[in-house]
């Protein structure tokens, strides 16, 4: 797995009722910074076996072991706020970090 490393640019997105689209590059880490610490994942069975998810505080690290089509993942913040992601992975995915407002 290739760590995300240091980036000068980040992709900034707003959290709302629509899922945030995340396109991962296979065998590379992609970090997502959320506005609050993560307490849990809403339905862990919705996460594909090919997707590694680690969260520390308000940061989520996603890594795909192989390509997969869209999977919905919902992270629950400490306040109860839901962060909805539609995640897919391919060999042409993105690597830059995402900051959610």
Protein backbone atom coordinates (compact mmCIF):
# COMPACT_ATOMS: atom_id res chain seq x y z
CA UNK A 1 0.00 0.00 0.00
CA UNK A 2 1.33 3.45 -0.91
CA UNK A 3 0.73 6.05 1.84
CA UNK A 4 -0.91 9.31 0.86
CA UNK A 5 2.18 11.40 1.58
CA UNK A 6 2.28 15.19 1.66
CA UNK A 7 0.10 17.19 -0.73
CA UNK A 8 0.08 20.90 -1.51
CA UNK A 9 -3.50 20.78 -2.78
CA UNK A 10 -6.60 19.19 -1.34
CA UNK A 11 -10.11 18.73 -2.66
CA UNK A 12 -12.65 20.58 -0.50
CA UNK A 13 -16.27 19.39 -0.52
CA UNK A 14 -19.43 20.21 1.41
CA UNK A 15 -21.36 17.62 3.34
CA UNK A 16 -25.10 17.50 2.71
CA UNK A 17 -27.88 15.09 1.88
CA UNK A 18 -26.22 13.76 -1.30
CA UNK A 19 -23.33 11.29 -1.05
CA UNK A 20 -19.82 12.64 -1.49
CA UNK A 21 -18.24 10.84 -4.45
CA UNK A 22 -14.81 9.33 -3.74
CA UNK A 23 -12.78 7.65 -6.48
CA UNK A 24 -9.86 5.72 -4.98
CA UNK A 25 -6.73 4.57 -6.75
CA UNK A 26 -6.15 0.87 -6.13
CA UNK A 27 -3.30 0.15 -3.66
CA UNK A 28 -2.98 3.82 -2.64
CA UNK A 29 -4.19 5.54 0.50
CA UNK A 30 -6.57 8.50 0.31
CA UNK A 31 -7.28 10.59 3.39
CA UNK A 32 -10.50 12.38 4.23
CA UNK A 33 -10.61 15.04 6.95
CA UNK A 34 -14.03 15.60 8.48
CA UNK A 35 -15.22 18.56 10.59
CA UNK A 36 -15.59 16.38 13.70
CA UNK A 37 -14.23 13.11 15.12
CA UNK A 38 -15.81 9.88 13.87
CA UNK A 39 -17.63 7.74 16.43
CA UNK A 40 -18.65 4.81 14.22
CA UNK A 41 -19.61 3.43 10.82
CA UNK A 42 -23.39 3.18 10.35
CA UNK A 43 -23.48 -0.24 8.66
CA UNK A 44 -20.14 -2.03 8.60
CA UNK A 45 -21.56 -4.72 6.31
CA UNK A 46 -21.90 -2.08 3.55
CA UNK A 47 -18.12 -1.78 3.31
CA UNK A 48 -16.69 -4.08 0.63
CA UNK A 49 -13.99 -6.57 1.63
CA UNK A 50 -11.67 -4.84 -0.87
CA UNK A 51 -11.79 -1.57 1.10
CA UNK A 52 -9.63 -0.85 4.14
CA UNK A 53 -11.01 1.86 6.43
CA UNK A 54 -9.10 3.37 9.34
CA UNK A 55 -10.26 6.35 11.34
CA UNK A 56 -8.39 8.39 13.92
CA UNK A 57 -10.16 11.40 15.36
CA UNK A 58 -11.59 13.38 12.46
CA UNK A 59 -9.42 11.72 9.79
CA UNK A 60 -10.44 8.69 7.71
CA UNK A 61 -7.91 6.75 5.61
CA UNK A 62 -9.29 4.70 2.73
CA UNK A 63 -7.33 2.12 0.72
CA UNK A 64 -8.64 -0.24 -1.96
CA UNK A 65 -7.02 -3.64 -2.45
CA UNK A 66 -8.60 -4.06 -5.90
CA UNK A 67 -11.12 -2.24 -8.08
CA UNK A 68 -14.80 -2.20 -7.14
CA UNK A 69 -17.96 -0.37 -8.17
CA UNK A 70 -19.74 2.10 -5.93
CA UNK A 71 -20.28 1.24 -2.28
CA UNK A 72 -22.15 3.53 0.11
CA UNK A 73 -20.38 4.19 3.42
CA UNK A 74 -21.85 6.33 6.18
CA UNK A 75 -19.63 7.61 8.98
CA UNK A 76 -21.27 8.91 12.15
CA UNK A 77 -19.63 11.86 13.89
CA UNK A 78 -19.51 12.28 17.66
CA UNK A 79 -22.41 14.76 17.42
CA UNK A 80 -24.53 12.20 15.53
CA UNK A 81 -24.01 13.95 12.18
CA UNK A 82 -23.96 11.53 9.23
CA UNK A 83 -21.31 11.79 6.52
CA UNK A 84 -22.41 9.87 3.43
CA UNK A 85 -19.87 8.68 0.85
CA UNK A 86 -20.24 6.80 -2.44
CA UNK A 87 -16.85 5.14 -2.85
CA UNK A 88 -15.42 3.33 -5.85
CA UNK A 89 -11.92 2.20 -6.78
CA UNK A 90 -9.99 1.76 -10.00
CA UNK A 91 -6.41 1.92 -11.23
CA UNK A 92 -7.14 5.48 -12.47
CA UNK A 93 -8.55 6.79 -9.18
CA UNK A 94 -7.52 9.97 -7.40
CA UNK A 95 -5.03 10.32 -4.57
CA UNK A 96 -5.32 13.92 -3.31
CA UNK A 97 -6.76 14.30 0.19
CA UNK A 98 -10.34 15.45 0.70
CA UNK A 99 -11.47 17.99 3.29
CA UNK A 100 -15.18 17.94 4.16
CA UNK A 101 -16.75 21.17 5.39
